[in-house]
Protein backbone atom coordinates (compact mmCIF):
# COMPACT_ATOMS: atom_id res chain seq x y z
CA MET A 1 -19.20 -7.09 -19.56
CA ASP A 2 -21.17 -9.29 -17.18
CA ILE A 3 -22.37 -8.61 -13.64
CA VAL A 4 -23.09 -11.44 -11.21
CA ASP A 5 -24.77 -10.48 -7.95
CA ASN A 6 -24.50 -12.84 -4.96
CA PHE A 7 -21.41 -14.25 -6.62
CA LEU A 8 -20.27 -16.33 -3.64
CA SER A 9 -22.26 -18.39 -1.20
CA GLU A 10 -23.17 -16.48 1.96
CA SER A 11 -20.58 -18.41 4.02
CA ASP A 12 -17.73 -17.85 1.51
CA PHE A 13 -18.60 -14.17 1.24
CA LYS A 14 -18.75 -13.75 5.03
CA ASN A 15 -15.34 -15.44 5.30
CA ILE A 16 -13.76 -13.00 2.83
CA GLU A 17 -15.49 -10.08 4.52
CA LYS A 18 -14.23 -11.23 7.94
CA GLU A 19 -10.63 -11.85 6.82
CA ILE A 20 -10.23 -8.68 4.75
CA PHE A 21 -12.85 -6.05 5.58
CA TRP A 22 -13.21 -6.64 9.34
CA ASN A 23 -9.66 -7.84 10.05
CA THR A 24 -7.73 -5.06 11.81
CA ASP A 25 -4.51 -6.93 11.03
CA PHE A 26 -5.11 -7.10 7.26
CA PRO A 27 -2.09 -5.28 5.75
CA MET A 28 -2.72 -2.49 3.25
CA TYR A 29 0.08 -0.62 1.51
CA LEU A 30 -0.18 3.02 0.52
CA TYR A 31 0.12 3.92 -3.15
CA PRO A 32 0.62 7.68 -3.58
CA PHE A 33 -1.44 7.87 -6.79
CA ILE A 34 -4.31 5.87 -8.26
CA ALA A 35 -4.03 5.38 -12.03
CA SER A 36 -0.71 7.18 -12.54
CA LYS A 37 0.90 10.47 -11.53
CA GLU A 38 0.25 11.86 -14.99
CA LEU A 39 -3.33 10.64 -15.38
CA ASP A 40 -4.56 11.68 -11.94
CA LYS A 41 -3.49 15.33 -12.05
CA LYS A 42 -7.11 16.51 -11.91
CA ILE A 43 -7.68 14.88 -8.50
CA ASP A 44 -7.05 16.91 -5.37
CA ASN A 45 -3.71 15.52 -4.15
CA ARG A 46 -5.13 14.92 -0.65
CA TYR A 47 -7.32 12.21 -2.19
CA ASN A 48 -5.00 10.89 -4.89
CA TRP A 49 -3.97 7.72 -3.05
CA PHE A 50 -5.30 4.29 -2.29
CA GLY A 51 -4.44 1.19 -0.30
CA GLN A 52 -3.47 -2.02 -2.02
CA HIS A 53 -2.55 -5.52 -0.95
CA ARG A 54 -1.04 -7.74 -3.65
CA VAL A 55 -2.21 -11.32 -3.26
CA TYR A 56 -0.70 -12.75 -6.46
CA ASP A 57 1.76 -11.23 -8.93
CA SER A 58 4.32 -12.36 -11.50
CA HIS A 59 3.16 -15.99 -11.39
CA VAL A 60 3.50 -16.43 -7.62
CA PRO A 61 1.36 -15.92 -4.52
CA THR A 62 2.59 -12.86 -2.62
CA SER A 63 0.35 -12.94 0.43
CA PRO A 64 -0.72 -15.29 3.20
CA PHE A 65 -4.29 -14.44 2.08
CA TYR A 66 -3.78 -16.16 -1.29
CA ASN A 67 -5.41 -19.41 -0.10
CA LEU A 68 -8.50 -17.49 1.02
CA ILE A 69 -8.95 -16.12 -2.52
CA SER A 70 -7.87 -19.29 -4.33
CA ASN A 71 -10.34 -21.41 -2.33
CA THR A 72 -13.34 -19.09 -2.72
CA LEU A 73 -13.22 -16.65 -5.64
CA LEU A 74 -10.94 -18.44 -8.11
CA PRO A 75 -12.94 -21.70 -8.46
CA LYS A 76 -16.08 -19.70 -9.22
CA VAL A 77 -14.25 -17.41 -11.69
CA ALA A 78 -12.79 -20.48 -13.41
CA GLU A 79 -16.23 -22.11 -13.52
CA LEU A 80 -17.75 -19.10 -15.31
CA THR A 81 -14.84 -18.16 -17.58
CA ASN A 82 -12.07 -19.69 -19.58
CA LEU A 83 -9.40 -18.84 -16.98
CA LYS A 84 -6.07 -20.22 -18.23
CA ALA A 85 -3.51 -18.28 -16.18
CA LEU A 86 -3.52 -15.72 -13.41
CA LEU A 87 -1.70 -12.44 -13.92
CA ARG A 88 -2.46 -10.57 -10.71
CA ILE A 89 -4.80 -10.47 -7.73
CA LYS A 90 -4.97 -7.41 -5.51
CA VAL A 91 -7.21 -6.03 -2.82
CA ASN A 92 -7.96 -2.32 -3.27
CA PHE A 93 -9.10 0.21 -0.70
CA TYR A 94 -10.26 3.67 -1.87
CA PRO A 95 -10.83 6.03 1.06
CA ALA A 96 -14.00 8.06 1.43
CA THR A 97 -13.90 11.61 0.07
CA PRO A 98 -16.23 14.61 0.62
CA THR A 99 -17.52 14.28 -2.96
CA ILE A 100 -17.20 11.36 -5.37
CA MET A 101 -13.77 11.49 -7.00
CA GLU A 102 -13.59 9.81 -10.39
CA HIS A 103 -10.12 8.46 -11.02
CA ALA A 104 -8.48 8.62 -14.43
CA MET A 105 -9.36 6.09 -17.08
CA HIS A 106 -6.62 3.50 -17.48
CA LYS A 107 -5.82 0.01 -18.75
CA ASP A 108 -4.62 -2.61 -16.28
CA TYR A 109 -2.17 -4.04 -18.84
CA LYS A 110 -1.51 -2.92 -22.42
CA TYR A 111 -2.10 -6.40 -23.85
CA THR A 112 -5.43 -8.21 -24.15
CA HIS A 113 -6.48 -9.98 -20.98
CA LYS A 114 -9.57 -10.46 -18.82
CA GLY A 115 -10.64 -9.13 -15.46
CA ALA A 116 -12.95 -9.83 -12.58
CA LEU A 117 -13.69 -7.13 -10.00
CA PHE A 118 -15.29 -8.34 -6.76
CA SER A 119 -16.96 -5.83 -4.41
CA ILE A 120 -16.45 -6.51 -0.72
CA ASN A 121 -18.72 -3.71 0.51
CA THR A 122 -21.72 -1.76 -0.70
CA CYS A 123 -21.20 1.96 -1.22
CA ASN A 124 -21.93 4.68 -3.76
CA GLY A 125 -18.54 4.18 -5.44
CA TYR A 126 -18.35 2.58 -8.87
CA THR A 127 -16.27 1.50 -11.83
CA THR A 128 -16.77 3.42 -15.07
CA LEU A 129 -16.33 1.53 -18.32
CA LYS A 130 -15.18 3.06 -21.63
CA ASP A 131 -18.78 3.26 -22.90
CA GLY A 132 -19.72 5.39 -19.86
CA LYS A 133 -21.61 2.63 -18.01
CA LYS A 134 -21.13 2.81 -14.25
CA VAL A 135 -21.12 -0.41 -12.28
CA HIS A 136 -21.81 0.34 -8.62
CA SER A 137 -20.11 -1.38 -5.71
CA VAL A 138 -22.51 -3.87 -4.19
CA ALA A 139 -21.22 -6.37 -1.64
CA ASN A 140 -20.71 -9.83 -3.16
CA ARG A 141 -21.02 -8.51 -6.75
CA MET A 142 -18.60 -9.63 -9.45
CA LEU A 143 -17.97 -7.56 -12.56
CA PHE A 144 -16.39 -9.42 -15.46
CA HIS A 145 -14.92 -7.01 -18.00
CA ASN A 146 -12.02 -6.37 -20.35
CA PRO A 147 -9.48 -4.36 -18.31
CA SER A 148 -7.28 -3.92 -21.38
CA ILE A 149 -9.94 -1.39 -22.45
CA GLU A 150 -9.93 1.89 -20.54
CA HIS A 151 -11.95 1.99 -17.33
CA GLY A 152 -11.81 4.02 -14.13
CA SER A 153 -12.57 3.69 -10.45
CA SER A 154 -14.09 6.14 -8.00
CA SER A 155 -14.11 6.94 -4.34
CA THR A 156 -17.20 6.81 -2.14
CA THR A 157 -18.95 9.32 0.10
CA ASP A 158 -21.35 7.08 2.02
CA ALA A 159 -18.93 4.56 3.59
CA LYS A 160 -15.50 4.73 5.21
CA GLY A 161 -14.07 3.46 1.95
CA ARG A 162 -14.56 1.26 -1.07
CA TRP A 163 -13.11 -2.26 -0.92
CA ASN A 164 -12.71 -4.64 -3.84
CA ILE A 165 -10.63 -7.52 -5.14
CA ASN A 166 -9.24 -7.16 -8.64
CA ILE A 167 -8.32 -10.33 -10.56
CA ASN A 168 -6.47 -10.12 -13.88
CA TYR A 169 -6.14 -13.29 -15.94
CA ILE A 170 -5.78 -14.79 -19.38
């Protein structure tokens, strides 16, 4: 696991923030559970949902926002890692809840792969790794980790929601 603060230049970060976080036309799609219906049974059903926007999946771009990500985040990820192939890129939105809701631990894919989780906003939400370490959401922070090992997300209480970009790759 590695954490890189101030991952992007200020101008690249502001561009992502403007196009995703502040863009009232950025499309988000409702997912009625977070990790899975079975894993998230402990979460109050009113809060067991999140918004997602798939940018890249199954070897093809799936969003007009792909170029934004591929021109800003991907070159820097490739520079710092041994990125050989993309698996998926998605933007996640976890709505605020009255108390922090920890979502079930899960694996992104069952096979070994790598992951980069980019925080778009700062809030008291976090990602919990298998060893119990919590990595807090800080705007322009990148978390490199192994998402084929269990990890979990959380909601936030001090912002309207928690926004991040999840990149899975080999």
